[in-house]
């Protein structure tokens, strides 16, 4: 397997780069990012693909679902992530109803994400139902990542966050969806909340990478929401996620300690403060010998409400 060069010396990853990793049998790591500092850290860590997911609606903006996320919000966060990366391929989710309504609108919105946002690829949900949309966008020269299984933008239709493909008909539909996405020209496909055995079999049948989330270890790669990875999702952690840090506790503890120091007058201290020359301060406040000679009150100097 190839050894990835350090981000500062590597060119920006492309879909061809991802295809090479896949061909060499390297498992592909993908993480979400929604802001400049996080994107910089992930890029420095050598993560080859960074997803600006519409999950930002819930984990960053406090929405109850991804359905409420707008194109303007996706562009805002995409621009920040692109500025924070030098090497990673930045993939941006197309938000709800920005595609699949008309081919013209789908293509226009994908173009805006690439042209204005600076993304390297777009991601959209749906299998057979989205195949024509994927094909038209790919034909225009825009790389597309598919997304099947649990599709969050269809959560109201699906009836909640449930594992998909557990029956014969549902499983066969997922396989058909995966093949349709591949046939339409997608360079990769996300499999979300799919039984691991089925995800493995789908992966075997495709010649493009599968990126799993809650789909087991048999996929070509994995994607996780960064707030789950860092332990920032205190209220709920999906079963498929693993905390690699507990930043919720660390940040909370730091905020509590800061609050205590402010209340006690221990912050800021000398190290966080600057001082000026006392003689200059006396001149500013009218407390010098010259000011006394002019008849000003030496004890208090210039009143605070004096018009200077």
Foldseek 3Di string as FASTA:
>chain_A
DDDDDFQVPDAADALVNVLVCLVVLHAAEEEEDQAQVVLLVCQRVPRAAYEPELCCCCPPVNDPFSQPDDLVSQLVRLQRNVVNHGYHQYEYEDGPPCDLPDLVSLLVSQVCCCPRSVHNAYEYEWFLSCLVSLLSNVVVPGAYEYEDFDDRNCQVVVVHDAAFLPDPVRLVVRLNRLVSNVVSPHQEYEYERYDQVSQLVSQVVDSHFYEYQNRDDNGSYYYDYVCLQCQVPPPDHDPRGDHPHNVNVVVVVVVVVVVVCVVVVNPPDPVVDDDDDVVVVCVVQQQDPVSVVVPDDNVGGDDPPDDD
